[in-house]
Amino acid sequence: MSKQLEMNLMLEQDNNEIWRKLEGLSEQVEDKARDAFGKVEKIAEKNQWKVIQAFKRHQVSDYHFSGSTGYGYNDRGREVLDEVYAEAMGAEAALVRPHFASGTHTISCALFGVLRPGDELLYISGKPYDTLHKVIGKPGDGMGSLRDWGVSYGEVPLLPSGEMDWDAIRSAVNERTKVIGIQRSRGYDWRRSFSIADIAEAVKRVKEMKSDVIVFVDNCYGEFTELQEPTGVGVDLMAGSLIKNPGGGLAETGGYIAGKREYIEAAAYRLTAPGIGGEVGATMGTLRSIYQGLFLAPHLVGQALKGSILAAGLADKLGFQTSPRWDEPRTDLIQALRFAGPDHLIAFVQGIQAAAAVDAHVVPEPWDMPGYEHPVIMAAGTFIQGGSLELSADAPIRDPYIAYMQGGLTYAHAKYGILTALHRMAVRGLMDQL
């Protein structure tokens, strides 16, 4: 036997031993997390029934799936879809369209719809997600940003505890403040995501400061993780992406805006044109997947959350910091895992990609993605490009080195994706714990 072949066999045996150890650890975590899994499953069941009730009340039928062409006038499937979403989200009205290119585009339409020159947008949850920075812009940047159109911007950093700084918020709110922005998920920050209870309290407080202010929530990654949505607890306007939670892994593109009817109408005028709004927009062959994706979303969100609990439990056993911890309540899909350096981070994300059903042979590397301020590595072996209800992970390459994992259409895929990622770290000599 050649020395090279002997070395390869020894390495393979070591790898198999590492894999067996990881499987054993996962079984221990699963036993410990049974109660946490059970809570997720109960929420998924109740949200599933809520969605079915909305379908029933608005008499969804197969002819609603046929779509429209051209201008899309009198598209009854599109109209009923808006009504179903509004009810499921606890809102007066909704605008659900395949024409939204991304969550950032959807949020942009919502904000441009309600803000006017001289108004102020004030974020009270710290700096928003990286891709929104160009939407907010800088004065005179010439890009057509909010600031370029005369909308001023302010933000109130969170306290070191991750809570909103109410003394600073009270000082920041002024007569020009038109919209208060809250980002529900953590984004690329090491902080907890905001629960529905947190958001309800925030609405109460800001309305006491300025009763006519519009409270806007970026709800991306949060849909169906709890029993209510932000619009069910007083939020005036919120937006999200269909290639995240509510699309159920089937919607091929699109986004939704939900909230008070007057604000939805204003956002629709921004999406199309003043005076036209939501009355046009051919849906072509997209409606069946959007309806069916919404039907599946509560269950699939539950699968993804169970995968996140497992990831946190395994990381905890191996000595890594996690947020949230495995036994903490969940209010969005994102599981943050903190590593010692860039090599650990890159190996983990590459391992998630290696466990994908699509493009498992591709090895992601950090690159300068449009809209991001640092090189980003993304694992996205997904059926829908960028579909983050599917198992995915991404991270900016900056200190602290944190991977943000989310999704998993099935718990089994999430489980073996996490094991593959940890295995890759171990065989590269980046994890002495095994």
Protein backbone atom coordinates (compact mmCIF):
# COMPACT_ATOMS: atom_id res chain seq x y z
CA MET A 1 0.00 0.00 0.00
CA SER A 2 1.39 3.42 -0.97
CA LYS A 3 2.03 5.99 1.77
CA GLN A 4 -0.46 8.40 0.14
CA LEU A 5 -3.23 5.77 0.05
CA GLU A 6 -2.49 4.82 3.65
CA MET A 7 -2.70 8.48 4.71
CA ASN A 8 -6.02 8.90 2.83
CA LEU A 9 -7.50 5.85 4.57
CA MET A 10 -6.37 7.10 7.98
CA LEU A 11 -7.90 10.51 7.26
CA GLU A 12 -11.17 8.90 6.15
CA GLN A 13 -11.31 6.83 9.36
CA ASP A 14 -10.69 9.96 11.42
CA ASN A 15 -13.41 11.76 9.52
CA ASN A 16 -15.87 8.93 10.13
CA GLU A 17 -15.03 9.02 13.82
CA ILE A 18 -15.65 12.78 13.93
CA TRP A 19 -18.97 12.30 12.17
CA ARG A 20 -20.05 9.62 14.65
CA LYS A 21 -19.18 11.92 17.55
CA LEU A 22 -21.21 14.75 16.02
CA GLU A 23 -24.21 12.47 15.49
CA GLY A 24 -23.97 11.38 19.10
CA LEU A 25 -23.92 14.99 20.26
CA SER A 26 -26.93 15.82 18.10
CA GLU A 27 -28.93 13.00 19.72
CA GLN A 28 -28.08 14.41 23.15
CA VAL A 29 -29.23 17.89 22.09
CA GLU A 30 -32.45 16.53 20.60
CA ASP A 31 -33.29 14.76 23.86
CA LYS A 32 -32.64 17.92 25.86
CA ALA A 33 -34.62 20.13 23.44
CA ARG A 34 -37.86 18.11 23.28
CA ASP A 35 -39.83 20.74 25.21
CA ALA A 36 -38.43 23.55 23.06
CA PHE A 37 -39.36 21.60 19.90
CA GLY A 38 -42.85 21.05 21.28
CA LYS A 39 -43.42 24.78 21.81
CA VAL A 40 -42.41 25.49 18.22
CA GLU A 41 -44.75 22.80 16.92
CA LYS A 42 -47.72 24.23 18.87
CA ILE A 43 -47.13 27.69 17.39
CA ALA A 44 -46.86 26.18 13.90
CA GLU A 45 -50.17 24.32 14.36
CA LYS A 46 -52.05 27.44 15.50
CA ASN A 47 -50.61 29.56 12.71
CA GLN A 48 -51.47 26.86 10.20
CA TRP A 49 -55.12 26.96 11.29
CA LYS A 50 -55.11 30.77 11.16
CA VAL A 51 -53.95 30.68 7.54
CA ILE A 52 -56.50 28.02 6.59
CA GLN A 53 -59.26 30.10 8.18
CA ALA A 54 -58.21 33.09 6.06
CA PHE A 55 -58.34 30.94 2.91
CA LYS A 56 -61.79 29.67 3.87
CA ARG A 57 -63.23 33.06 4.77
CA HIS A 58 -62.23 34.53 1.42
CA GLN A 59 -63.39 31.45 -0.50
CA VAL A 60 -60.14 30.69 -2.29
CA SER A 61 -60.79 28.52 -5.36
CA ASP A 62 -58.62 27.10 -8.11
CA TYR A 63 -59.65 29.83 -10.55
CA HIS A 64 -57.85 32.31 -8.29
CA PHE A 65 -54.58 30.67 -9.38
CA SER A 66 -54.88 31.39 -13.11
CA GLY A 67 -53.29 34.86 -13.09
CA SER A 68 -53.52 37.64 -15.63
CA THR A 69 -51.57 39.24 -18.49
CA GLY A 70 -51.03 42.73 -19.85
CA TYR A 71 -52.33 45.39 -17.48
CA GLY A 72 -53.78 42.76 -15.15
CA TYR A 73 -57.12 44.50 -14.73
CA ASN A 74 -59.76 42.67 -12.66
CA ASP A 75 -57.35 39.97 -11.52
CA ARG A 76 -59.55 38.38 -8.86
CA GLY A 77 -56.81 36.02 -7.71
CA ARG A 78 -54.54 38.97 -6.97
CA GLU A 79 -57.31 40.81 -5.12
CA VAL A 80 -58.22 37.82 -2.96
CA LEU A 81 -54.55 37.14 -2.22
CA ASP A 82 -54.28 40.65 -0.74
CA GLU A 83 -57.34 39.96 1.44
CA VAL A 84 -56.01 36.59 2.64
CA TYR A 85 -52.64 38.11 3.56
CA ALA A 86 -54.30 41.03 5.37
CA GLU A 87 -56.33 38.65 7.52
CA ALA A 88 -53.43 36.30 8.22
CA MET A 89 -51.28 39.28 9.25
CA GLY A 90 -53.97 40.95 11.37
CA ALA A 91 -53.97 44.04 9.14
CA GLU A 92 -56.58 46.26 7.47
CA ALA A 93 -55.08 45.72 4.01
CA ALA A 94 -52.13 44.17 2.19
CA LEU A 95 -50.28 44.49 -1.09
CA VAL A 96 -48.79 41.15 -2.21
CA ARG A 97 -46.98 41.21 -5.55
CA PRO A 98 -44.43 39.22 -7.53
CA HIS A 99 -43.21 42.59 -8.82
CA PHE A 100 -41.23 43.27 -5.64
CA ALA A 101 -37.68 42.21 -6.46
CA SER A 102 -36.50 41.73 -2.87
CA GLY A 103 -37.20 42.57 0.74
CA THR A 104 -35.19 45.79 0.34
CA HIS A 105 -37.30 46.80 -2.67
CA THR A 106 -40.49 46.08 -0.71
CA ILE A 107 -39.34 48.12 2.30
CA SER A 108 -38.25 50.93 -0.01
CA CYS A 109 -41.72 51.11 -1.60
CA ALA A 110 -43.36 51.21 1.82
CA LEU A 111 -41.11 54.03 3.06
CA PHE A 112 -41.20 56.11 -0.13
CA GLY A 113 -44.97 55.67 -0.14
CA VAL A 114 -45.52 57.45 3.18
CA LEU A 115 -42.55 59.85 3.47
CA ARG A 116 -42.41 63.30 1.86
CA PRO A 117 -39.72 66.01 1.56
CA GLY A 118 -39.19 67.59 4.97
CA ASP A 119 -40.24 64.45 6.86
CA GLU A 120 -37.92 62.44 9.08
CA LEU A 121 -37.42 58.70 9.26
CA LEU A 122 -36.19 57.69 12.73
CA TYR A 123 -34.97 54.13 13.36
CA ILE A 124 -35.18 53.27 17.07
CA SER A 125 -33.66 49.78 16.77
CA GLY A 126 -30.15 50.94 15.92
CA LYS A 127 -28.61 50.87 12.46
CA PRO A 128 -30.79 48.95 9.99
CA TYR A 129 -29.70 46.05 7.79
CA ASP A 130 -26.82 46.86 5.40
CA THR A 131 -28.87 46.85 2.17
CA LEU A 132 -31.15 49.62 3.49
CA HIS A 133 -28.29 52.09 3.93
CA LYS A 134 -28.34 53.04 0.23
CA VAL A 135 -32.14 53.46 0.34
CA ILE A 136 -31.72 55.94 3.19
CA GLY A 137 -28.72 57.49 1.44
CA LYS A 138 -26.76 60.67 2.03
CA PRO A 139 -27.82 64.25 1.26
CA GLY A 140 -27.32 64.99 -2.43
CA ASP A 141 -26.05 61.51 -3.28
CA GLY A 142 -27.84 61.63 -6.64
CA MET A 143 -29.10 58.05 -6.34
CA GLY A 144 -32.72 58.92 -5.68
CA SER A 145 -32.43 57.86 -2.04
CA LEU A 146 -34.75 59.14 0.68
CA ARG A 147 -32.20 61.77 1.69
CA ASP A 148 -31.75 62.82 -1.94
CA TRP A 149 -35.50 63.54 -1.95
CA GLY A 150 -35.27 65.69 1.16
CA VAL A 151 -36.21 63.10 3.79
CA SER A 152 -33.98 63.40 6.84
CA TYR A 153 -32.84 60.37 8.79
CA GLY A 154 -31.94 59.62 12.37
CA GLU A 155 -31.26 56.51 14.40
CA VAL A 156 -31.09 55.71 18.08
CA PRO A 157 -28.51 53.05 19.03
CA LEU A 158 -29.64 50.24 21.28
CA LEU A 159 -28.44 50.04 24.86
CA PRO A 160 -25.57 47.62 25.56
CA SER A 161 -28.24 45.18 26.81
CA GLY A 162 -29.86 45.18 23.35
CA GLU A 163 -32.93 47.04 24.62
CA MET A 164 -34.32 50.20 23.07
CA ASP A 165 -33.01 53.39 24.69
CA TRP A 166 -36.25 55.16 25.61
CA ASP A 167 -34.61 58.27 27.07
CA ALA A 168 -32.68 58.79 23.83
CA ILE A 169 -35.76 58.01 21.70
CA ARG A 170 -37.81 60.59 23.60
CA SER A 171 -35.11 63.18 22.91
CA ALA A 172 -34.86 62.25 19.23
CA VAL A 173 -38.57 62.40 18.31
CA ASN A 174 -39.46 65.85 16.96
CA GLU A 175 -42.10 67.65 14.92
CA ARG A 176 -40.60 66.37 11.62
CA THR A 177 -40.58 62.71 12.70
CA LYS A 178 -43.09 61.05 10.36
CA VAL A 179 -42.03 57.39 10.50
CA ILE A 180 -40.55 55.38 13.36
CA GLY A 181 -38.65 52.38 11.97
CA ILE A 182 -38.06 49.10 13.80
CA GLN A 183 -36.08 46.17 12.43
CA ARG A 184 -37.48 43.04 14.00
CA SER A 185 -34.58 40.71 13.23
CA ARG A 186 -31.01 41.12 14.39
CA GLY A 187 -29.61 41.72 10.88
CA TYR A 188 -25.83 41.53 11.07
CA ASP A 189 -25.70 42.48 14.75
CA TRP A 190 -25.01 40.48 17.89
CA ARG A 191 -28.29 41.34 19.58
CA ARG A 192 -31.54 39.60 20.27
CA SER A 193 -34.36 40.03 17.79
CA PHE A 194 -37.45 41.91 18.94
CA SER A 195 -40.45 39.87 20.01
CA ILE A 196 -44.08 40.75 19.33
CA ALA A 197 -44.36 41.80 22.99
CA ASP A 198 -41.37 44.15 22.53
CA ILE A 199 -42.96 45.65 19.41
CA ALA A 200 -46.35 46.10 21.11
CA GLU A 201 -44.66 48.00 23.96
CA ALA A 202 -42.71 50.13 21.47
CA VAL A 203 -45.90 51.09 19.62
CA LYS A 204 -47.54 52.14 22.89
CA ARG A 205 -44.58 54.28 23.92
CA VAL A 206 -43.98 56.08 20.63
CA LYS A 207 -47.69 56.83 20.16
CA GLU A 208 -47.66 58.47 23.59
CA MET A 209 -44.79 60.67 22.40
CA LYS A 210 -46.34 61.54 19.02
CA SER A 211 -49.79 60.18 18.29
CA ASP A 212 -49.71 60.72 14.51
CA VAL A 213 -46.36 59.02 13.90
CA ILE A 214 -46.36 56.00 11.58
CA VAL A 215 -44.74 52.92 13.12
CA PHE A 216 -43.05 50.79 10.45
CA VAL A 217 -41.58 47.32 11.03
CA ASP A 218 -39.19 45.41 8.79
CA ASN A 219 -40.72 41.98 9.40
CA CYS A 220 -38.27 39.94 7.31
CA TYR A 221 -37.49 36.54 8.89
CA GLY A 222 -40.17 37.00 11.56
CA GLU A 223 -43.41 35.81 9.96
CA PHE A 224 -45.16 32.90 11.74
CA THR A 225 -42.49 32.49 14.40
CA GLU A 226 -45.01 33.75 16.99
CA LEU A 227 -48.80 33.68 17.19
CA GLN A 228 -49.22 37.32 16.08
CA GLU A 229 -47.58 39.61 13.55
CA PRO A 230 -46.58 43.25 14.25
CA THR A 231 -49.70 44.61 12.53
CA GLY A 232 -51.76 42.60 15.00
CA VAL A 233 -50.37 44.65 17.91
CA GLY A 234 -50.76 48.17 16.54
CA VAL A 235 -47.99 48.57 13.95
CA ASP A 236 -49.18 50.85 11.12
CA LEU A 237 -47.11 49.40 8.29
CA MET A 238 -44.79 46.44 7.79
CA ALA A 239 -43.05 44.70 4.92
CA GLY A 240 -41.43 41.39 4.14
CA SER A 241 -40.12 39.16 1.36
CA LEU A 242 -41.90 36.18 -0.20
CA ILE A 243 -38.61 34.34 -0.66
CA LYS A 244 -38.31 34.28 3.10
CA ASN A 245 -40.89 32.91 5.57
CA PRO A 246 -44.31 33.63 4.01
CA GLY A 247 -43.42 32.27 0.57
CA GLY A 248 -43.18 28.78 2.02
CA GLY A 249 -40.28 27.80 -0.23
CA LEU A 250 -42.55 27.94 -3.30
CA ALA A 251 -42.96 31.64 -4.15
CA GLU A 252 -40.33 32.33 -6.79
CA THR A 253 -40.14 36.07 -6.12
CA GLY A 254 -42.09 38.91 -4.56
CA GLY A 255 -42.88 40.69 -1.35
CA TYR A 256 -45.77 41.94 0.76
CA ILE A 257 -46.70 45.13 2.57
CA ALA A 258 -49.42 45.03 5.22
CA GLY A 259 -50.97 47.62 7.49
CA LYS A 260 -53.48 50.45 7.50
CA ARG A 261 -55.41 50.84 4.26
CA GLU A 262 -54.32 54.43 3.56
CA TYR A 263 -50.64 53.51 3.87
CA ILE A 264 -51.02 50.42 1.69
CA GLU A 265 -52.62 52.58 -1.01
CA ALA A 266 -49.70 55.03 -0.77
CA ALA A 267 -47.18 52.18 -1.13
CA ALA A 268 -49.09 50.82 -4.15
CA TYR A 269 -48.80 54.23 -5.84
CA ARG A 270 -45.05 54.02 -5.34
CA LEU A 271 -44.86 50.50 -6.78
CA THR A 272 -46.76 51.43 -9.97
CA ALA A 273 -47.87 55.05 -10.44
CA PRO A 274 -50.10 57.62 -8.72
CA GLY A 275 -53.73 56.99 -9.53
CA ILE A 276 -53.03 53.42 -10.64
CA GLY A 277 -51.67 51.71 -7.53
CA GLY A 278 -52.71 48.13 -6.92
CA GLU A 279 -55.34 48.01 -9.67
CA VAL A 280 -52.84 46.78 -12.25
CA GLY A 281 -49.95 44.35 -12.45
CA ALA A 282 -50.11 41.10 -14.39
CA THR A 283 -49.53 38.11 -12.15
CA MET A 284 -49.11 35.63 -15.03
CA GLY A 285 -48.23 32.19 -13.62
CA THR A 286 -47.18 33.19 -10.11
CA LEU A 287 -50.35 33.02 -8.03
CA ARG A 288 -50.56 29.28 -7.37
CA SER A 289 -47.08 29.15 -5.85
CA ILE A 290 -47.71 32.28 -3.74
CA TYR A 291 -51.00 30.94 -2.37
CA GLN A 292 -49.61 27.45 -1.74
CA GLY A 293 -46.42 28.88 -0.25
CA LEU A 294 -48.47 30.85 2.28
CA PHE A 295 -50.42 27.69 3.13
CA LEU A 296 -47.18 25.78 3.80
CA ALA A 297 -45.33 28.63 5.54
CA PRO A 298 -46.36 28.02 9.19
CA HIS A 299 -45.23 24.39 9.09
CA LEU A 300 -41.98 25.12 7.24
CA VAL A 301 -41.10 27.99 9.56
CA GLY A 302 -41.51 25.52 12.42
CA GLN A 303 -39.12 23.08 10.73
CA ALA A 304 -36.54 25.83 10.31
CA LEU A 305 -36.89 26.96 13.94
CA LYS A 306 -36.29 23.42 15.18
CA GLY A 307 -33.13 23.34 13.08
CA SER A 308 -31.97 26.58 14.67
CA ILE A 309 -32.57 25.16 18.14
CA LEU A 310 -30.42 22.14 17.25
CA ALA A 311 -27.67 24.37 15.84
CA ALA A 312 -27.60 26.45 19.03
CA GLY A 313 -27.57 23.36 21.21
CA LEU A 314 -24.69 21.75 19.32
CA ALA A 315 -22.69 24.98 19.28
CA ASP A 316 -23.26 25.37 23.01
CA LYS A 317 -21.92 21.86 23.65
CA LEU A 318 -18.86 22.63 21.55
CA GLY A 319 -18.13 25.87 23.40
CA PHE A 320 -19.26 28.46 20.83
CA GLN A 321 -21.34 31.52 21.69
CA THR A 322 -24.85 31.53 20.26
CA SER A 323 -27.70 34.02 20.01
CA PRO A 324 -30.36 33.08 20.80
CA ARG A 325 -29.40 30.17 23.03
CA TRP A 326 -31.09 26.86 22.34
CA ASP A 327 -33.63 27.27 25.17
CA GLU A 328 -34.56 30.92 24.55
CA PRO A 329 -37.80 32.00 22.82
CA ARG A 330 -37.66 32.50 19.05
CA THR A 331 -39.02 35.52 17.19
CA ASP A 332 -37.24 35.13 13.85
CA LEU A 333 -35.40 32.49 11.82
CA ILE A 334 -31.89 33.74 12.37
CA GLN A 335 -29.41 31.79 14.47
CA ALA A 336 -26.17 33.65 15.15
CA LEU A 337 -23.01 31.60 15.87
CA ARG A 338 -19.83 33.38 16.97
CA PHE A 339 -16.44 31.99 15.96
CA ALA A 340 -12.82 32.74 16.83
CA GLY A 341 -11.70 33.94 13.41
CA PRO A 342 -12.39 34.16 9.67
CA ASP A 343 -11.17 30.63 8.90
CA HIS A 344 -13.75 29.10 11.26
CA LEU A 345 -16.47 31.31 9.83
CA ILE A 346 -15.67 30.51 6.19
CA ALA A 347 -15.40 26.75 6.86
CA PHE A 348 -18.79 26.70 8.59
CA VAL A 349 -20.55 28.55 5.77
CA GLN A 350 -18.88 26.36 3.14
CA GLY A 351 -20.08 23.30 5.07
CA ILE A 352 -23.69 24.51 4.92
CA GLN A 353 -23.32 24.82 1.14
CA ALA A 354 -21.82 21.32 0.90
CA ALA A 355 -24.98 19.85 2.47
CA ALA A 356 -27.32 21.45 -0.10
CA ALA A 357 -29.40 19.55 -2.65
CA VAL A 358 -28.60 22.29 -5.19
CA ASP A 359 -25.03 23.40 -6.01
CA ALA A 360 -23.43 21.30 -3.28
CA HIS A 361 -20.33 21.11 -5.50
CA VAL A 362 -19.90 24.90 -5.38
CA VAL A 363 -17.52 26.32 -2.76
CA PRO A 364 -18.60 29.85 -1.72
CA GLU A 365 -15.94 32.48 -1.10
CA PRO A 366 -16.23 36.00 0.36
CA TRP A 367 -16.90 38.73 -2.22
CA ASP A 368 -18.00 42.36 -2.43
CA MET A 369 -21.76 41.99 -2.85
CA PRO A 370 -23.81 44.99 -4.03
CA GLY A 371 -25.42 46.81 -1.12
CA TYR A 372 -23.03 45.45 1.54
CA GLU A 373 -20.23 47.36 3.26
CA HIS A 374 -17.86 44.40 3.83
CA PRO A 375 -17.04 41.25 1.85
CA VAL A 376 -19.77 38.70 2.44
CA ILE A 377 -19.77 34.91 2.17
CA MET A 378 -23.10 33.26 1.44
CA ALA A 379 -24.11 29.60 1.40
CA ALA A 380 -27.31 29.36 -0.61
CA GLY A 381 -27.78 25.98 -2.24
CA THR A 382 -31.43 26.80 -2.71
CA PHE A 383 -34.17 25.99 -5.22
CA ILE A 384 -35.21 29.67 -5.12
CA GLN A 385 -32.23 32.00 -5.57
CA GLY A 386 -31.72 33.78 -2.23
CA GLY A 387 -34.58 31.83 -0.66
CA SER A 388 -33.66 32.06 3.00
CA LEU A 389 -36.49 29.91 4.31
CA GLU A 390 -34.35 27.21 2.72
CA LEU A 391 -31.20 26.25 4.64
CA SER A 392 -28.67 29.00 4.13
CA ALA A 393 -25.97 30.92 5.95
CA ASP A 394 -24.15 34.15 5.39
CA ALA A 395 -21.72 36.43 7.13
CA PRO A 396 -19.81 39.65 6.62
CA ILE A 397 -16.09 39.02 6.98
CA ARG A 398 -15.45 41.36 9.87
CA ASP A 399 -14.66 41.14 13.56
CA PRO A 400 -16.55 39.73 15.47
CA TYR A 401 -16.76 36.70 13.19
CA ILE A 402 -20.41 35.72 13.31
CA ALA A 403 -22.25 33.34 10.99
CA TYR A 404 -25.96 33.97 10.53
CA MET A 405 -27.72 30.71 9.74
CA GLN A 406 -31.38 30.43 8.83
CA GLY A 407 -33.92 28.20 7.21
CA GLY A 408 -34.40 24.55 6.43
CA LEU A 409 -37.53 23.39 4.61
CA THR A 410 -37.22 20.15 6.54
CA TYR A 411 -35.74 19.59 9.96
CA ALA A 412 -33.68 16.71 8.57
CA HIS A 413 -31.96 18.98 6.07
CA ALA A 414 -31.22 21.58 8.74
CA LYS A 415 -29.84 18.87 11.02
CA TYR A 416 -27.48 17.33 8.50
CA GLY A 417 -26.48 20.72 7.15
CA ILE A 418 -25.33 21.76 10.61
CA LEU A 419 -23.50 18.46 11.15
CA THR A 420 -21.76 18.84 7.78
CA ALA A 421 -20.66 22.39 8.62
CA LEU A 422 -19.24 21.37 12.00
CA HIS A 423 -17.59 18.33 10.44
CA ARG A 424 -15.85 20.53 7.86
CA MET A 425 -14.49 22.75 10.63
CA ALA A 426 -13.22 19.71 12.53
CA VAL A 427 -11.41 18.05 9.62
CA ARG A 428 -9.69 21.36 8.85
CA GLY A 429 -8.28 21.35 12.37
CA LEU A 430 -10.41 24.27 13.50
CA MET A 431 -12.24 22.52 16.33
CA ASP A 432 -10.23 20.86 19.09
CA GLN A 433 -13.38 19.94 21.02
CA LEU A 434 -13.88 16.67 19.07
